[in-house]
Amino acid sequence: MPTSGWEPGEKGKFVAVADGHAAEVSYEITKRRVALTMVPPNYEHVGLVNGPATQLAYCDISCKIEWDGEAGSGSWEPCWTKE
């Protein structure tokens, strides 16, 4: 994946290669972001249940995607844990 700050309006490109086929992917980061808390064993809660002290969370960041000329949408989900 590209090195990115994942800020709204940011644009970039990268090439995905698999089985001898290369596809150019262009992306634009949108303003849509949803923070979610992961509570074991398999529950997700919208928001950070313990604020900044939340132990296991991720942020769903939406992107506009163009993959080999085909437009669509996607997301990036950076996760974090606190000890």
N, C-alpha and C. Protein backbone atom coordinates (compact mmCIF):
# COMPACT_ATOMS: atom_id res chain seq x y z
N MET A 1 0.84 -1.19 0.00
CA MET A 1 0.00 0.00 0.00
C MET A 1 0.88 1.24 0.00
N PRO A 2 0.34 2.31 -0.54
CA PRO A 2 1.13 3.55 -0.57
C PRO A 2 1.32 4.12 0.83
N THR A 3 2.42 4.84 1.00
CA THR A 3 2.62 5.58 2.24
C THR A 3 1.74 6.80 2.14
N SER A 4 0.88 7.01 3.12
CA SER A 4 -0.12 8.07 3.00
C SER A 4 -0.54 8.57 4.36
N GLY A 5 -0.96 9.83 4.41
CA GLY A 5 -1.55 10.38 5.62
C GLY A 5 -3.05 10.13 5.65
N TRP A 6 -3.61 9.66 4.53
CA TRP A 6 -5.04 9.36 4.40
C TRP A 6 -5.90 10.54 4.80
N GLU A 7 -5.53 11.72 4.30
CA GLU A 7 -6.28 12.93 4.58
C GLU A 7 -7.33 13.16 3.50
N PRO A 8 -8.52 13.72 3.85
CA PRO A 8 -9.55 13.98 2.86
C PRO A 8 -9.01 14.82 1.70
N GLY A 9 -9.36 14.42 0.49
CA GLY A 9 -8.92 15.11 -0.72
C GLY A 9 -7.60 14.60 -1.27
N GLU A 10 -6.85 13.83 -0.48
CA GLU A 10 -5.58 13.29 -0.94
C GLU A 10 -5.81 12.31 -2.10
N LYS A 11 -4.95 12.39 -3.10
CA LYS A 11 -5.04 11.50 -4.26
C LYS A 11 -3.71 10.77 -4.44
N GLY A 12 -3.78 9.59 -5.02
CA GLY A 12 -2.57 8.84 -5.28
C GLY A 12 -2.82 7.69 -6.22
N LYS A 13 -1.74 6.98 -6.57
CA LYS A 13 -1.81 5.83 -7.46
C LYS A 13 -0.85 4.77 -6.97
N PHE A 14 -1.19 3.51 -7.25
CA PHE A 14 -0.26 2.42 -7.03
C PHE A 14 -0.59 1.32 -8.03
N VAL A 15 0.31 0.36 -8.18
CA VAL A 15 0.10 -0.74 -9.12
C VAL A 15 -0.02 -2.03 -8.31
N ALA A 16 -1.11 -2.78 -8.57
CA ALA A 16 -1.31 -4.09 -7.95
C ALA A 16 -0.92 -5.15 -8.97
N VAL A 17 -0.10 -6.12 -8.56
CA VAL A 17 0.37 -7.16 -9.47
C VAL A 17 0.00 -8.52 -8.88
N ALA A 18 -0.64 -9.38 -9.72
CA ALA A 18 -0.98 -10.74 -9.31
C ALA A 18 -1.09 -11.62 -10.54
N ASP A 19 -0.54 -12.81 -10.44
CA ASP A 19 -0.61 -13.79 -11.54
C ASP A 19 -0.20 -13.20 -12.88
N GLY A 20 0.82 -12.36 -12.88
CA GLY A 20 1.32 -11.80 -14.12
C GLY A 20 0.52 -10.64 -14.68
N HIS A 21 -0.52 -10.22 -14.02
CA HIS A 21 -1.33 -9.08 -14.47
C HIS A 21 -1.07 -7.90 -13.55
N ALA A 22 -0.85 -6.74 -14.13
CA ALA A 22 -0.66 -5.51 -13.35
C ALA A 22 -1.85 -4.60 -13.58
N ALA A 23 -2.39 -4.03 -12.50
CA ALA A 23 -3.52 -3.11 -12.60
C ALA A 23 -3.16 -1.81 -11.89
N GLU A 24 -3.38 -0.70 -12.57
CA GLU A 24 -3.13 0.59 -11.94
C GLU A 24 -4.37 1.01 -11.17
N VAL A 25 -4.17 1.40 -9.92
CA VAL A 25 -5.26 1.82 -9.05
C VAL A 25 -5.03 3.27 -8.65
N SER A 26 -6.02 4.11 -8.93
CA SER A 26 -6.01 5.51 -8.50
C SER A 26 -7.00 5.65 -7.35
N TYR A 27 -6.67 6.46 -6.35
CA TYR A 27 -7.60 6.65 -5.24
C TYR A 27 -7.68 8.12 -4.85
N GLU A 28 -8.82 8.48 -4.28
CA GLU A 28 -9.01 9.79 -3.67
C GLU A 28 -9.69 9.56 -2.33
N ILE A 29 -9.11 10.08 -1.26
CA ILE A 29 -9.65 9.90 0.07
C ILE A 29 -10.85 10.84 0.24
N THR A 30 -11.99 10.31 0.73
CA THR A 30 -13.17 11.14 0.97
C THR A 30 -13.17 11.63 2.41
N LYS A 31 -14.17 12.44 2.76
CA LYS A 31 -14.29 12.96 4.12
C LYS A 31 -14.94 11.94 5.07
N ARG A 32 -15.51 10.84 4.55
CA ARG A 32 -16.22 9.88 5.39
C ARG A 32 -15.26 9.04 6.22
N ARG A 33 -15.41 9.08 7.53
CA ARG A 33 -14.60 8.30 8.46
C ARG A 33 -15.51 7.84 9.59
N VAL A 34 -15.38 6.59 9.96
CA VAL A 34 -16.16 6.06 11.07
C VAL A 34 -15.20 5.32 12.01
N ALA A 35 -15.12 5.77 13.25
CA ALA A 35 -14.30 5.08 14.24
C ALA A 35 -15.13 3.97 14.86
N LEU A 36 -14.53 2.79 15.02
CA LEU A 36 -15.22 1.64 15.60
C LEU A 36 -14.34 0.99 16.65
N THR A 37 -14.98 0.53 17.73
CA THR A 37 -14.28 -0.21 18.77
C THR A 37 -14.54 -1.69 18.56
N MET A 38 -13.49 -2.49 18.67
CA MET A 38 -13.63 -3.94 18.58
C MET A 38 -13.60 -4.51 19.99
N VAL A 39 -14.66 -5.21 20.35
CA VAL A 39 -14.76 -5.81 21.67
C VAL A 39 -14.79 -7.32 21.49
N PRO A 40 -13.81 -8.03 22.04
CA PRO A 40 -13.77 -9.48 21.88
C PRO A 40 -15.05 -10.13 22.42
N PRO A 41 -15.55 -11.22 21.85
CA PRO A 41 -14.84 -11.93 20.80
C PRO A 41 -15.10 -11.38 19.40
N ASN A 42 -16.27 -10.94 19.03
CA ASN A 42 -16.53 -10.51 17.65
C ASN A 42 -17.52 -9.35 17.55
N TYR A 43 -17.41 -8.37 18.40
CA TYR A 43 -18.37 -7.27 18.38
C TYR A 43 -17.71 -5.98 17.94
N GLU A 44 -18.47 -5.18 17.20
CA GLU A 44 -18.02 -3.86 16.79
C GLU A 44 -19.01 -2.83 17.34
N HIS A 45 -18.49 -1.76 17.91
CA HIS A 45 -19.32 -0.67 18.42
C HIS A 45 -18.91 0.59 17.69
N VAL A 46 -19.89 1.37 17.23
CA VAL A 46 -19.58 2.63 16.57
C VAL A 46 -19.04 3.59 17.61
N GLY A 47 -17.94 4.22 17.30
CA GLY A 47 -17.29 5.16 18.21
C GLY A 47 -16.24 4.48 19.07
N LEU A 48 -15.62 5.24 19.92
CA LEU A 48 -14.59 4.73 20.83
C LEU A 48 -15.23 4.59 22.20
N VAL A 49 -15.49 3.36 22.63
CA VAL A 49 -16.27 3.15 23.86
C VAL A 49 -15.61 3.70 25.11
N ASN A 50 -14.29 3.81 25.12
CA ASN A 50 -13.58 4.38 26.26
C ASN A 50 -12.78 5.62 25.87
N GLY A 51 -13.26 6.33 24.85
CA GLY A 51 -12.57 7.53 24.41
C GLY A 51 -11.13 7.22 23.99
N PRO A 52 -10.19 8.10 24.27
CA PRO A 52 -8.80 7.87 23.88
C PRO A 52 -8.17 6.63 24.52
N ALA A 53 -8.76 6.12 25.60
CA ALA A 53 -8.21 4.93 26.27
C ALA A 53 -8.72 3.62 25.67
N THR A 54 -9.52 3.68 24.61
CA THR A 54 -10.05 2.46 23.98
C THR A 54 -8.90 1.54 23.60
N GLN A 55 -9.02 0.27 23.95
CA GLN A 55 -7.94 -0.70 23.78
C GLN A 55 -7.75 -1.18 22.34
N LEU A 56 -8.83 -1.48 21.62
CA LEU A 56 -8.71 -2.05 20.28
C LEU A 56 -9.74 -1.39 19.38
N ALA A 57 -9.27 -0.65 18.37
CA ALA A 57 -10.19 0.11 17.53
C ALA A 57 -9.64 0.21 16.11
N TYR A 58 -10.50 0.64 15.21
CA TYR A 58 -10.06 0.95 13.85
C TYR A 58 -10.92 2.06 13.30
N CYS A 59 -10.48 2.65 12.22
CA CYS A 59 -11.21 3.73 11.56
C CYS A 59 -11.46 3.33 10.12
N ASP A 60 -12.73 3.31 9.73
CA ASP A 60 -13.09 3.00 8.35
C ASP A 60 -13.03 4.31 7.55
N ILE A 61 -12.09 4.39 6.61
CA ILE A 61 -11.87 5.60 5.80
C ILE A 61 -12.26 5.26 4.37
N SER A 62 -13.25 5.97 3.83
CA SER A 62 -13.73 5.68 2.48
C SER A 62 -12.87 6.36 1.41
N CYS A 63 -12.81 5.70 0.25
CA CYS A 63 -12.02 6.19 -0.88
C CYS A 63 -12.82 6.05 -2.17
N LYS A 64 -12.59 6.98 -3.08
CA LYS A 64 -13.04 6.79 -4.46
C LYS A 64 -11.91 6.05 -5.16
N ILE A 65 -12.24 5.00 -5.91
CA ILE A 65 -11.23 4.15 -6.53
C ILE A 65 -11.47 4.08 -8.04
N GLU A 66 -10.39 4.08 -8.80
CA GLU A 66 -10.46 3.76 -10.23
C GLU A 66 -9.44 2.66 -10.46
N TRP A 67 -9.91 1.49 -10.87
CA TRP A 67 -9.09 0.29 -11.04
C TRP A 67 -9.10 -0.06 -12.51
N ASP A 68 -7.97 0.11 -13.19
CA ASP A 68 -7.89 -0.13 -14.63
C ASP A 68 -9.02 0.56 -15.40
N GLY A 69 -9.34 1.80 -15.01
CA GLY A 69 -10.35 2.58 -15.70
C GLY A 69 -11.77 2.36 -15.22
N GLU A 70 -12.00 1.44 -14.30
CA GLU A 70 -13.35 1.18 -13.77
C GLU A 70 -13.50 1.89 -12.42
N ALA A 71 -14.53 2.76 -12.31
CA ALA A 71 -14.73 3.55 -11.10
C ALA A 71 -15.53 2.77 -10.06
N GLY A 72 -15.21 3.00 -8.79
CA GLY A 72 -15.92 2.35 -7.70
C GLY A 72 -15.57 3.02 -6.39
N SER A 73 -15.79 2.30 -5.30
CA SER A 73 -15.45 2.82 -3.99
C SER A 73 -14.72 1.74 -3.20
N GLY A 74 -14.03 2.17 -2.19
CA GLY A 74 -13.29 1.24 -1.36
C GLY A 74 -13.08 1.85 0.01
N SER A 75 -12.35 1.16 0.85
CA SER A 75 -12.06 1.72 2.16
C SER A 75 -10.72 1.21 2.66
N TRP A 76 -10.18 1.95 3.58
CA TRP A 76 -8.93 1.60 4.24
C TRP A 76 -9.25 1.57 5.73
N GLU A 77 -8.81 0.55 6.43
CA GLU A 77 -9.16 0.41 7.83
C GLU A 77 -7.92 0.27 8.71
N PRO A 78 -7.24 1.38 9.01
CA PRO A 78 -6.11 1.30 9.92
C PRO A 78 -6.60 0.95 11.33
N CYS A 79 -5.92 0.01 11.96
CA CYS A 79 -6.27 -0.45 13.31
C CYS A 79 -5.21 0.00 14.31
N TRP A 80 -5.58 0.05 15.57
CA TRP A 80 -4.60 0.33 16.60
C TRP A 80 -4.98 -0.39 17.88
N THR A 81 -3.99 -0.66 18.67
CA THR A 81 -4.18 -1.24 19.99
C THR A 81 -3.43 -0.41 21.01
N LYS A 82 -3.91 -0.40 22.22
CA LYS A 82 -3.23 0.29 23.32
C LYS A 82 -2.92 -0.75 24.37
N GLU A 83 -1.74 -0.68 24.90
CA GLU A 83 -1.32 -1.65 25.93
C GLU A 83 -1.71 -1.19 27.30
